[in-house]
Amino acid sequence: AVVGLRRWGLPRWLAVTTVALGIVVMFGGVLLALIPPLVTQTST
């Protein structure tokens, strides 16, 4: 993915930052999807 972004003209540091932010956002989405149901079901 970093190589693909560099082909679009982005410098390497910006390509790495973009991919890293994508990983963090995806990981945060997984936590937001799993933690609330787990807490709700446990309290119930």
PDB file of all heavy atoms in Angstrom:
ATOM      1  N   ALA A   1       0.827  -1.211   0.000  1.00  0.00           N
ATOM      2  CA  ALA A   1       0.000   0.000   0.000  1.00  0.00           C
ATOM      3  C   ALA A   1       0.858   1.256   0.000  1.00  0.00           C
ATOM      4  O   ALA A   1       0.528   2.251  -0.665  1.00  0.00           O
ATOM      5  CB  ALA A   1      -0.927  -0.006   1.215  1.00  0.00           C
ATOM      6  N   VAL A   2       1.979   1.231   0.736  1.00  0.00           N
ATOM      7  CA  VAL A   2       2.884   2.381   0.757  1.00  0.00           C
ATOM      8  C   VAL A   2       3.460   2.636  -0.640  1.00  0.00           C
ATOM      9  O   VAL A   2       3.523   3.783  -1.107  1.00  0.00           O
ATOM     10  CB  VAL A   2       4.009   2.153   1.782  1.00  0.00           C
ATOM     11  CG1 VAL A   2       5.023   3.283   1.722  1.00  0.00           C
ATOM     12  CG2 VAL A   2       3.437   2.044   3.189  1.00  0.00           C
ATOM     13  N   VAL A   3       3.863   1.585  -1.319  1.00  0.00           N
ATOM     14  CA  VAL A   3       4.397   1.729  -2.682  1.00  0.00           C
ATOM     15  C   VAL A   3       3.331   2.278  -3.630  1.00  0.00           C
ATOM     16  O   VAL A   3       3.603   3.134  -4.480  1.00  0.00           O
ATOM     17  CB  VAL A   3       4.927   0.370  -3.176  1.00  0.00           C
ATOM     18  CG1 VAL A   3       5.326   0.446  -4.652  1.00  0.00           C
ATOM     19  CG2 VAL A   3       6.127  -0.066  -2.343  1.00  0.00           C
ATOM     20  N   GLY A   4       2.091   1.799  -3.457  1.00  0.00           N
ATOM     21  CA  GLY A   4       1.012   2.320  -4.295  1.00  0.00           C
ATOM     22  C   GLY A   4       0.764   3.806  -4.078  1.00  0.00           C
ATOM     23  O   GLY A   4       0.547   4.559  -5.037  1.00  0.00           O
ATOM     24  N   LEU A   5       0.805   4.257  -2.816  1.00  0.00           N
ATOM     25  CA  LEU A   5       0.627   5.681  -2.546  1.00  0.00           C
ATOM     26  C   LEU A   5       1.789   6.502  -3.077  1.00  0.00           C
ATOM     27  O   LEU A   5       1.599   7.641  -3.541  1.00  0.00           O
ATOM     28  CB  LEU A   5       0.473   5.898  -1.039  1.00  0.00           C
ATOM     29  CG  LEU A   5      -0.824   5.362  -0.405  1.00  0.00           C
ATOM     30  CD1 LEU A   5      -0.808   5.569   1.100  1.00  0.00           C
ATOM     31  CD2 LEU A   5      -2.044   6.036  -1.021  1.00  0.00           C
ATOM     32  N   ARG A   6       2.991   5.953  -3.045  1.00  0.00           N
ATOM     33  CA  ARG A   6       4.146   6.681  -3.587  1.00  0.00           C
ATOM     34  C   ARG A   6       4.049   6.823  -5.107  1.00  0.00           C
ATOM     35  O   ARG A   6       4.533   7.805  -5.670  1.00  0.00           O
ATOM     36  CB  ARG A   6       5.433   5.965  -3.205  1.00  0.00           C
ATOM     37  CG  ARG A   6       5.731   5.999  -1.715  1.00  0.00           C
ATOM     38  CD  ARG A   6       7.164   5.602  -1.441  1.00  0.00           C
ATOM     39  NE  ARG A   6       8.092   6.573  -2.013  1.00  0.00           N
ATOM     40  CZ  ARG A   6       9.414   6.421  -2.031  1.00  0.00           C
ATOM     41  NH1 ARG A   6       9.954   5.329  -1.511  1.00  0.00           N
ATOM     42  NH2 ARG A   6      10.202   7.329  -2.558  1.00  0.00           N
ATOM     43  N   ARG A   7       3.417   5.866  -5.761  1.00  0.00           N
ATOM     44  CA  ARG A   7       3.225   5.987  -7.212  1.00  0.00           C
ATOM     45  C   ARG A   7       2.272   7.120  -7.549  1.00  0.00           C
ATOM     46  O   ARG A   7       2.298   7.648  -8.672  1.00  0.00           O
ATOM     47  CB  ARG A   7       2.698   4.665  -7.770  1.00  0.00           C
ATOM     48  CG  ARG A   7       3.725   3.541  -7.757  1.00  0.00           C
ATOM     49  CD  ARG A   7       3.113   2.239  -8.231  1.00  0.00           C
ATOM     50  NE  ARG A   7       4.091   1.155  -8.199  1.00  0.00           N
ATOM     51  CZ  ARG A   7       3.783  -0.125  -8.425  1.00  0.00           C
ATOM     52  NH1 ARG A   7       2.519  -0.474  -8.712  1.00  0.00           N
ATOM     53  NH2 ARG A   7       4.726  -1.045  -8.376  1.00  0.00           N
ATOM     54  N   TRP A   8       1.401   7.471  -6.605  1.00  0.00           N
ATOM     55  CA  TRP A   8       0.503   8.604  -6.828  1.00  0.00           C
ATOM     56  C   TRP A   8       1.188   9.940  -6.576  1.00  0.00           C
ATOM     57  O   TRP A   8       0.551  10.990  -6.710  1.00  0.00           O
ATOM     58  CB  TRP A   8      -0.716   8.483  -5.917  1.00  0.00           C
ATOM     59  CG  TRP A   8      -1.621   7.353  -6.293  1.00  0.00           C
ATOM     60  CD1 TRP A   8      -1.527   6.549  -7.386  1.00  0.00           C
ATOM     61  CD2 TRP A   8      -2.773   6.903  -5.569  1.00  0.00           C
ATOM     62  NE1 TRP A   8      -2.533   5.608  -7.387  1.00  0.00           N
ATOM     63  CE2 TRP A   8      -3.320   5.806  -6.293  1.00  0.00           C
ATOM     64  CE3 TRP A   8      -3.392   7.307  -4.398  1.00  0.00           C
ATOM     65  CZ2 TRP A   8      -4.447   5.132  -5.872  1.00  0.00           C
ATOM     66  CZ3 TRP A   8      -4.524   6.631  -3.973  1.00  0.00           C
ATOM     67  CH2 TRP A   8      -5.046   5.552  -4.708  1.00  0.00           C
ATOM     68  N   GLY A   9       2.458   9.924  -6.189  1.00  0.00           N
ATOM     69  CA  GLY A   9       3.197  11.157  -5.984  1.00  0.00           C
ATOM     70  C   GLY A   9       3.411  11.555  -4.550  1.00  0.00           C
ATOM     71  O   GLY A   9       4.015  12.606  -4.290  1.00  0.00           O
ATOM     72  N   LEU A  10       2.946  10.770  -3.582  1.00  0.00           N
ATOM     73  CA  LEU A  10       3.131  11.109  -2.179  1.00  0.00           C
ATOM     74  C   LEU A  10       4.554  10.776  -1.740  1.00  0.00           C
ATOM     75  O   LEU A  10       5.110   9.754  -2.160  1.00  0.00           O
ATOM     76  CB  LEU A  10       2.139  10.348  -1.297  1.00  0.00           C
ATOM     77  CG  LEU A  10       0.758  10.973  -1.075  1.00  0.00           C
ATOM     78  CD1 LEU A  10      -0.061  10.909  -2.360  1.00  0.00           C
ATOM     79  CD2 LEU A  10       0.016  10.241   0.044  1.00  0.00           C
ATOM     80  N   PRO A  11       5.169  11.613  -0.892  1.00  0.00           N
ATOM     81  CA  PRO A  11       6.470  11.227  -0.318  1.00  0.00           C
ATOM     82  C   PRO A  11       6.303  10.044   0.628  1.00  0.00           C
ATOM     83  O   PRO A  11       5.198   9.750   1.102  1.00  0.00           O
ATOM     84  CB  PRO A  11       6.913  12.486   0.431  1.00  0.00           C
ATOM     85  CG  PRO A  11       5.656  13.255   0.675  1.00  0.00           C
ATOM     86  CD  PRO A  11       4.743  12.950  -0.469  1.00  0.00           C
ATOM     87  N   ARG A  12       7.424   9.392   0.911  1.00  0.00           N
ATOM     88  CA  ARG A  12       7.324   8.152   1.693  1.00  0.00           C
ATOM     89  C   ARG A  12       6.772   8.402   3.092  1.00  0.00           C
ATOM     90  O   ARG A  12       5.965   7.624   3.590  1.00  0.00           O
ATOM     91  CB  ARG A  12       8.691   7.467   1.767  1.00  0.00           C
ATOM     92  CG  ARG A  12       8.621   6.141   2.519  1.00  0.00           C
ATOM     93  CD  ARG A  12       9.852   5.299   2.398  1.00  0.00           C
ATOM     94  NE  ARG A  12       9.657   4.022   3.065  1.00  0.00           N
ATOM     95  CZ  ARG A  12       9.053   2.977   2.544  1.00  0.00           C
ATOM     96  NH1 ARG A  12       8.588   3.037   1.317  1.00  0.00           N
ATOM     97  NH2 ARG A  12       8.908   1.851   3.222  1.00  0.00           N
ATOM     98  N   TRP A  13       7.201   9.498   3.728  1.00  0.00           N
ATOM     99  CA  TRP A  13       6.735   9.736   5.088  1.00  0.00           C
ATOM    100  C   TRP A  13       5.225   9.951   5.121  1.00  0.00           C
ATOM    101  O   TRP A  13       4.534   9.479   6.029  1.00  0.00           O
ATOM    102  CB  TRP A  13       7.458  10.939   5.695  1.00  0.00           C
ATOM    103  CG  TRP A  13       7.108  12.262   5.045  1.00  0.00           C
ATOM    104  CD1 TRP A  13       7.742  12.853   4.007  1.00  0.00           C
ATOM    105  CD2 TRP A  13       6.032  13.127   5.416  1.00  0.00           C
ATOM    106  NE1 TRP A  13       7.137  14.045   3.680  1.00  0.00           N
ATOM    107  CE2 TRP A  13       6.082  14.249   4.547  1.00  0.00           C
ATOM    108  CE3 TRP A  13       5.034  13.084   6.390  1.00  0.00           C
ATOM    109  CZ2 TRP A  13       5.178  15.295   4.619  1.00  0.00           C
ATOM    110  CZ3 TRP A  13       4.123  14.128   6.472  1.00  0.00           C
ATOM    111  CH2 TRP A  13       4.201  15.219   5.598  1.00  0.00           C
ATOM    112  N   LEU A  14       4.692  10.636   4.100  1.00  0.00           N
ATOM    113  CA  LEU A  14       3.252  10.859   4.048  1.00  0.00           C
ATOM    114  C   LEU A  14       2.500   9.564   3.721  1.00  0.00           C
ATOM    115  O   LEU A  14       1.409   9.306   4.263  1.00  0.00           O
ATOM    116  CB  LEU A  14       2.931  11.931   3.013  1.00  0.00           C
ATOM    117  CG  LEU A  14       1.457  12.361   2.917  1.00  0.00           C
ATOM    118  CD1 LEU A  14       0.952  12.849   4.265  1.00  0.00           C
ATOM    119  CD2 LEU A  14       1.296  13.443   1.852  1.00  0.00           C
ATOM    120  N   ALA A  15       3.085   8.731   2.849  1.00  0.00           N
ATOM    121  CA  ALA A  15       2.452   7.447   2.539  1.00  0.00           C
ATOM    122  C   ALA A  15       2.411   6.546   3.773  1.00  0.00           C
ATOM    123  O   ALA A  15       1.383   5.912   4.062  1.00  0.00           O
ATOM    124  CB  ALA A  15       3.206   6.767   1.394  1.00  0.00           C
ATOM    125  N   VAL A  16       3.530   6.484   4.517  1.00  0.00           N
ATOM    126  CA  VAL A  16       3.558   5.677   5.737  1.00  0.00           C
ATOM    127  C   VAL A  16       2.569   6.217   6.762  1.00  0.00           C
ATOM    128  O   VAL A  16       1.853   5.453   7.432  1.00  0.00           O
ATOM    129  CB  VAL A  16       4.991   5.649   6.315  1.00  0.00           C
ATOM    130  CG1 VAL A  16       5.000   4.975   7.682  1.00  0.00           C
ATOM    131  CG2 VAL A  16       5.922   4.912   5.362  1.00  0.00           C
ATOM    132  N   THR A  17       2.490   7.542   6.902  1.00  0.00           N
ATOM    133  CA  THR A  17       1.539   8.140   7.845  1.00  0.00           C
ATOM    134  C   THR A  17       0.104   7.822   7.466  1.00  0.00           C
ATOM    135  O   THR A  17      -0.735   7.509   8.333  1.00  0.00           O
ATOM    136  CB  THR A  17       1.745   9.658   7.889  1.00  0.00           C
ATOM    137  OG1 THR A  17       3.104   9.947   8.232  1.00  0.00           O
ATOM    138  CG2 THR A  17       0.822  10.302   8.904  1.00  0.00           C
ATOM    139  N   THR A  18      -0.206   7.861   6.173  1.00  0.00           N
ATOM    140  CA  THR A  18      -1.568   7.552   5.719  1.00  0.00           C
ATOM    141  C   THR A  18      -1.940   6.111   6.019  1.00  0.00           C
ATOM    142  O   THR A  18      -3.034   5.823   6.529  1.00  0.00           O
ATOM    143  CB  THR A  18      -1.690   7.832   4.214  1.00  0.00           C
ATOM    144  OG1 THR A  18      -1.320   9.187   3.941  1.00  0.00           O
ATOM    145  CG2 THR A  18      -3.104   7.585   3.736  1.00  0.00           C
ATOM    146  N   VAL A  19      -1.033   5.198   5.720  1.00  0.00           N
ATOM    147  CA  VAL A  19      -1.313   3.779   5.997  1.00  0.00           C
ATOM    148  C   VAL A  19      -1.432   3.543   7.497  1.00  0.00           C
ATOM    149  O   VAL A  19      -2.307   2.793   7.959  1.00  0.00           O
ATOM    150  CB  VAL A  19      -0.211   2.896   5.383  1.00  0.00           C
ATOM    151  CG1 VAL A  19      -0.413   1.443   5.769  1.00  0.00           C
ATOM    152  CG2 VAL A  19      -0.202   3.029   3.865  1.00  0.00           C
ATOM    153  N   ALA A  20      -0.566   4.176   8.298  1.00  0.00           N
ATOM    154  CA  ALA A  20      -0.620   4.004   9.746  1.00  0.00           C
ATOM    155  C   ALA A  20      -1.941   4.533  10.307  1.00  0.00           C
ATOM    156  O   ALA A  20      -2.569   3.893  11.173  1.00  0.00           O
ATOM    157  CB  ALA A  20       0.554   4.721  10.406  1.00  0.00           C
ATOM    158  N   LEU A  21      -2.396   5.694   9.828  1.00  0.00           N
ATOM    159  CA  LEU A  21      -3.692   6.224  10.278  1.00  0.00           C
ATOM    160  C   LEU A  21      -4.833   5.289   9.879  1.00  0.00           C
ATOM    161  O   LEU A  21      -5.792   5.106  10.636  1.00  0.00           O
ATOM    162  CB  LEU A  21      -3.915   7.617   9.690  1.00  0.00           C
ATOM    163  CG  LEU A  21      -3.040   8.741  10.270  1.00  0.00           C
ATOM    164  CD1 LEU A  21      -3.309  10.053   9.541  1.00  0.00           C
ATOM    165  CD2 LEU A  21      -3.294   8.889  11.764  1.00  0.00           C
ATOM    166  N   GLY A  22      -4.719   4.696   8.699  1.00  0.00           N
ATOM    167  CA  GLY A  22      -5.739   3.725   8.293  1.00  0.00           C
ATOM    168  C   GLY A  22      -5.789   2.527   9.227  1.00  0.00           C
ATOM    169  O   GLY A  22      -6.879   2.041   9.579  1.00  0.00           O
ATOM    170  N   ILE A  23      -4.610   2.046   9.653  1.00  0.00           N
ATOM    171  CA  ILE A  23      -4.573   0.918  10.591  1.00  0.00           C
ATOM    172  C   ILE A  23      -5.206   1.302  11.923  1.00  0.00           C
ATOM    173  O   ILE A  23      -6.007   0.543  12.501  1.00  0.00           O
ATOM    174  CB  ILE A  23      -3.124   0.458  10.802  1.00  0.00           C
ATOM    175  CG1 ILE A  23      -2.531  -0.076   9.508  1.00  0.00           C
ATOM    176  CG2 ILE A  23      -3.047  -0.620  11.869  1.00  0.00           C
ATOM    177  CD1 ILE A  23      -1.059  -0.396   9.610  1.00  0.00           C
ATOM    178  N   VAL A  24      -4.867   2.496  12.423  1.00  0.00           N
ATOM    179  CA  VAL A  24      -5.418   2.939  13.712  1.00  0.00           C
ATOM    180  C   VAL A  24      -6.935   3.094  13.626  1.00  0.00           C
ATOM    181  O   VAL A  24      -7.673   2.685  14.540  1.00  0.00           O
ATOM    182  CB  VAL A  24      -4.745   4.253  14.139  1.00  0.00           C
ATOM    183  CG1 VAL A  24      -5.417   4.825  15.381  1.00  0.00           C
ATOM    184  CG2 VAL A  24      -3.263   4.034  14.409  1.00  0.00           C
ATOM    185  N   VAL A  25      -7.425   3.664  12.536  1.00  0.00           N
ATOM    186  CA  VAL A  25      -8.874   3.838  12.370  1.00  0.00           C
ATOM    187  C   VAL A  25      -9.574   2.484  12.295  1.00  0.00           C
ATOM    188  O   VAL A  25     -10.631   2.274  12.910  1.00  0.00           O
ATOM    189  CB  VAL A  25      -9.160   4.687  11.118  1.00  0.00           C
ATOM    190  CG1 VAL A  25     -10.646   4.668  10.778  1.00  0.00           C
ATOM    191  CG2 VAL A  25      -8.688   6.117  11.332  1.00  0.00           C
ATOM    192  N   MET A  26      -8.998   1.545  11.561  1.00  0.00           N
ATOM    193  CA  MET A  26      -9.604   0.215  11.459  1.00  0.00           C
ATOM    194  C   MET A  26      -9.616  -0.492  12.808  1.00  0.00           C
ATOM    195  O   MET A  26     -10.620  -1.094  13.196  1.00  0.00           O
ATOM    196  CB  MET A  26      -8.842  -0.619  10.426  1.00  0.00           C
ATOM    197  CG  MET A  26      -9.436  -1.988  10.179  1.00  0.00           C
ATOM    198  SD  MET A  26      -8.561  -2.886   8.875  1.00  0.00           S
ATOM    199  CE  MET A  26      -6.961  -3.088   9.633  1.00  0.00           C
ATOM    200  N   PHE A  27      -8.512  -0.389  13.544  1.00  0.00           N
ATOM    201  CA  PHE A  27      -8.451  -1.004  14.867  1.00  0.00           C
ATOM    202  C   PHE A  27      -9.457  -0.358  15.823  1.00  0.00           C
ATOM    203  O   PHE A  27     -10.126  -1.044  16.597  1.00  0.00           O
ATOM    204  CB  PHE A  27      -7.033  -0.876  15.421  1.00  0.00           C
ATOM    205  CG  PHE A  27      -6.854  -1.481  16.779  1.00  0.00           C
ATOM    206  CD1 PHE A  27      -6.909  -2.851  16.967  1.00  0.00           C
ATOM    207  CD2 PHE A  27      -6.649  -0.667  17.881  1.00  0.00           C
ATOM    208  CE1 PHE A  27      -6.752  -3.403  18.231  1.00  0.00           C
ATOM    209  CE2 PHE A  27      -6.484  -1.206  19.140  1.00  0.00           C
ATOM    210  CZ  PHE A  27      -6.536  -2.575  19.311  1.00  0.00           C
ATOM    211  N   GLY A  28      -9.577   0.976  15.763  1.00  0.00           N
ATOM    212  CA  GLY A  28     -10.574   1.648  16.595  1.00  0.00           C
ATOM    213  C   GLY A  28     -11.991   1.244  16.234  1.00  0.00           C
ATOM    214  O   GLY A  28     -12.850   1.091  17.115  1.00  0.00           O
ATOM    215  N   GLY A  29     -12.257   1.057  14.939  1.00  0.00           N
ATOM    216  CA  GLY A  29     -13.585   0.604  14.535  1.00  0.00           C
ATOM    217  C   GLY A  29     -13.912  -0.784  15.051  1.00  0.00           C
ATOM    218  O   GLY A  29     -15.052  -1.060  15.463  1.00  0.00           O
ATOM    219  N   VAL A  30     -12.906  -1.675  15.047  1.00  0.00           N
ATOM    220  CA  VAL A  30     -13.132  -3.026  15.596  1.00  0.00           C
ATOM    221  C   VAL A  30     -13.454  -2.951  17.084  1.00  0.00           C
ATOM    222  O   VAL A  30     -14.383  -3.621  17.575  1.00  0.00           O
ATOM    223  CB  VAL A  30     -11.890  -3.898  15.338  1.00  0.00           C
ATOM    224  CG1 VAL A  30     -12.010  -5.221  16.089  1.00  0.00           C
ATOM    225  CG2 VAL A  30     -11.726  -4.161  13.856  1.00  0.00           C
ATOM    226  N   LEU A  31     -12.714  -2.116  17.824  1.00  0.00           N
ATOM    227  CA  LEU A  31     -12.988  -1.988  19.265  1.00  0.00           C
ATOM    228  C   LEU A  31     -14.366  -1.394  19.515  1.00  0.00           C
ATOM    229  O   LEU A  31     -15.104  -1.861  20.398  1.00  0.00           O
ATOM    230  CB  LEU A  31     -11.909  -1.108  19.912  1.00  0.00           C
ATOM    231  CG  LEU A  31     -10.503  -1.696  19.978  1.00  0.00           C
ATOM    232  CD1 LEU A  31      -9.560  -0.722  20.672  1.00  0.00           C
ATOM    233  CD2 LEU A  31     -10.497  -3.038  20.720  1.00  0.00           C
ATOM    234  N   LEU A  32     -14.734  -0.359  18.749  1.00  0.00           N
ATOM    235  CA  LEU A  32     -16.052   0.240  18.934  1.00  0.00           C
ATOM    236  C   LEU A  32     -17.175  -0.724  18.569  1.00  0.00           C
ATOM    237  O   LEU A  32     -18.289  -0.616  19.100  1.00  0.00           O
ATOM    238  CB  LEU A  32     -16.166   1.509  18.077  1.00  0.00           C
ATOM    239  CG  LEU A  32     -15.309   2.705  18.527  1.00  0.00           C
ATOM    240  CD1 LEU A  32     -15.455   3.863  17.551  1.00  0.00           C
ATOM    241  CD2 LEU A  32     -15.687   3.130  19.936  1.00  0.00           C
ATOM    242  N   ALA A  33     -16.889  -1.662  17.679  1.00  0.00           N
ATOM    243  CA  ALA A  33     -17.912  -2.636  17.301  1.00  0.00           C
ATOM    244  C   ALA A  33     -18.057  -3.747  18.330  1.00  0.00           C
ATOM    245  O   ALA A  33     -19.158  -4.269  18.530  1.00  0.00           O
ATOM    246  CB  ALA A  33     -17.590  -3.233  15.931  1.00  0.00           C
ATOM    247  N   LEU A  34     -16.958  -4.121  19.002  1.00  0.00           N
ATOM    248  CA  LEU A  34     -16.998  -5.285  19.888  1.00  0.00           C
ATOM    249  C   LEU A  34     -17.218  -4.929  21.353  1.00  0.00           C
ATOM    250  O   LEU A  34     -17.892  -5.673  22.077  1.00  0.00           O
ATOM    251  CB  LEU A  34     -15.685  -6.079  19.750  1.00  0.00           C
ATOM    252  CG  LEU A  34     -15.415  -6.711  18.387  1.00  0.00           C
ATOM    253  CD1 LEU A  34     -14.091  -7.447  18.397  1.00  0.00           C
ATOM    254  CD2 LEU A  34     -16.541  -7.648  17.987  1.00  0.00           C
ATOM    255  N   ILE A  35     -16.652  -3.821  21.821  1.00  0.00           N
ATOM    256  CA  ILE A  35     -16.714  -3.524  23.260  1.00  0.00           C
ATOM    257  C   ILE A  35     -18.126  -3.181  23.736  1.00  0.00           C
ATOM    258  O   ILE A  35     -18.580  -3.732  24.759  1.00  0.00           O
ATOM    259  CB  ILE A  35     -15.717  -2.397  23.600  1.00  0.00           C
ATOM    260  CG1 ILE A  35     -14.287  -2.927  23.461  1.00  0.00           C
ATOM    261  CG2 ILE A  35     -15.944  -1.874  25.010  1.00  0.00           C
ATOM    262  CD1 ILE A  35     -13.221  -1.900  23.764  1.00  0.00           C
ATOM    263  N   PRO A  36     -18.886  -2.282  23.068  1.00  0.00           N
ATOM    264  CA  PRO A  36     -20.233  -1.983  23.591  1.00  0.00           C
ATOM    265  C   PRO A  36     -21.151  -3.200  23.705  1.00  0.00           C
ATOM    266  O   PRO A  36     -21.799  -3.371  24.746  1.00  0.00           O
ATOM    267  CB  PRO A  36     -20.773  -0.947  22.589  1.00  0.00           C
ATOM    268  CG  PRO A  36     -19.555  -0.301  22.034  1.00  0.00           C
ATOM    269  CD  PRO A  36     -18.540  -1.389  21.947  1.00  0.00           C
ATOM    270  N   PRO A  37     -21.244  -4.085  22.696  1.00  0.00           N
ATOM    271  CA  PRO A  37     -22.086  -5.275  22.905  1.00  0.00           C
ATOM    272  C   PRO A  37     -21.586  -6.153  24.041  1.00  0.00           C
ATOM    273  O   PRO A  37     -22.399  -6.714  24.794  1.00  0.00           O
ATOM    274  CB  PRO A  37     -21.990  -6.006  21.555  1.00  0.00           C
ATOM    275  CG  PRO A  37     -21.610  -4.967  20.583  1.00  0.00           C
ATOM    276  CD  PRO A  37     -20.741  -4.023  21.319  1.00  0.00           C
ATOM    277  N   LEU A  38     -20.269  -6.278  24.195  1.00  0.00           N
ATOM    278  CA  LEU A  38     -19.739  -7.110  25.270  1.00  0.00           C
ATOM    279  C   LEU A  38     -20.111  -6.534  26.632  1.00  0.00           C
ATOM    280  O   LEU A  38     -20.548  -7.265  27.530  1.00  0.00           O
ATOM    281  CB  LEU A  38     -18.221  -7.211  25.129  1.00  0.00           C
ATOM    282  CG  LEU A  38     -17.487  -8.063  26.167  1.00  0.00           C
ATOM    283  CD1 LEU A  38     -17.962  -9.507  26.101  1.00  0.00           C
ATOM    284  CD2 LEU A  38     -15.977  -7.984  25.960  1.00  0.00           C
ATOM    285  N   VAL A  39     -19.966  -5.228  26.792  1.00  0.00           N
ATOM    286  CA  VAL A  39     -20.320  -4.596  28.067  1.00  0.00           C
ATOM    287  C   VAL A  39     -21.813  -4.710  28.325  1.00  0.00           C
ATOM    288  O   VAL A  39     -22.255  -5.013  29.449  1.00  0.00           O
ATOM    289  CB  VAL A  39     -19.859  -3.122  28.063  1.00  0.00           C
ATOM    290  CG1 VAL A  39     -20.354  -2.400  29.304  1.00  0.00           C
ATOM    291  CG2 VAL A  39     -18.343  -3.041  27.971  1.00  0.00           C
ATOM    292  N   THR A  40     -22.614  -4.486  27.286  1.00  0.00           N
ATOM    293  CA  THR A  40     -24.070  -4.552  27.458  1.00  0.00           C
ATOM    294  C   THR A  40     -24.531  -5.952  27.832  1.00  0.00           C
ATOM    295  O   THR A  40     -25.340  -6.137  28.760  1.00  0.00           O
ATOM    296  CB  THR A  40     -24.758  -4.092  26.165  1.00  0.00           C
ATOM    297  OG1 THR A  40     -24.317  -2.772  25.837  1.00  0.00           O
ATOM    298  CG2 THR A  40     -26.265  -4.101  26.327  1.00  0.00           C
ATOM    299  N   GLN A  41     -24.018  -6.954  27.138  1.00  0.00           N
ATOM    300  CA  GLN A  41     -24.419  -8.325  27.430  1.00  0.00           C
ATOM    301  C   GLN A  41     -23.946  -8.755  28.808  1.00  0.00           C
ATOM    302  O   GLN A  41     -24.655  -9.473  29.523  1.00  0.00           O
ATOM    303  CB  GLN A  41     -23.855  -9.263  26.352  1.00  0.00           C
ATOM    304  CG  GLN A  41     -24.443  -9.051  24.976  1.00  0.00           C
ATOM    305  CD  GLN A  41     -25.924  -9.359  24.918  1.00  0.00           C
ATOM    306  OE1 GLN A  41     -26.420 -10.234  25.622  1.00  0.00           O
ATOM    307  NE2 GLN A  41     -26.642  -8.614  24.089  1.00  0.00           N
ATOM    308  N   THR A  42     -22.761  -8.318  29.206  1.00  0.00           N
ATOM    309  CA  THR A  42     -22.263  -8.690  30.534  1.00  0.00           C
ATOM    310  C   THR A  42     -23.109  -8.072  31.632  1.00  0.00           C
ATOM    311  O   THR A  42     -23.480  -8.745  32.613  1.00  0.00           O
ATOM    312  CB  THR A  42     -20.796  -8.239  30.680  1.00  0.00           C
ATOM    313  OG1 THR A  42     -20.022  -8.828  29.639  1.00  0.00           O
ATOM    314  CG2 THR A  42     -20.246  -8.671  32.033  1.00  0.00           C
ATOM    315  N   SER A  43     -23.445  -6.782  31.501  1.00  0.00           N
ATOM    316  CA  SER A  43     -24.288  -6.142  32.515  1.00  0.00           C
ATOM    317  C   SER A  43     -25.685  -6.754  32.550  1.00  0.00           C
ATOM    318  O   SER A  43     -26.269  -6.933  33.629  1.00  0.00           O
ATOM    319  CB  SER A  43     -24.377  -4.641  32.232  1.00  0.00           C
ATOM    320  OG  SER A  43     -24.966  -4.401  30.958  1.00  0.00           O
ATOM    321  N   THR A  44     -26.216  -7.100  31.382  1.00  0.00           N
ATOM    322  CA  THR A  44     -27.529  -7.748  31.347  1.00  0.00           C
ATOM    323  C   THR A  44     -27.499  -9.103  32.040  1.00  0.00           C
ATOM    324  O   THR A  44     -28.427  -9.472  32.782  1.00  0.00           O
ATOM    325  CB  THR A  44     -27.994  -7.907  29.891  1.00  0.00           C
ATOM    326  OG1 THR A  44     -28.021  -6.622  29.263  1.00  0.00           O
ATOM    327  CG2 THR A  44     -29.379  -8.529  29.820  1.00  0.00           C
TER     328      THR A  44
END
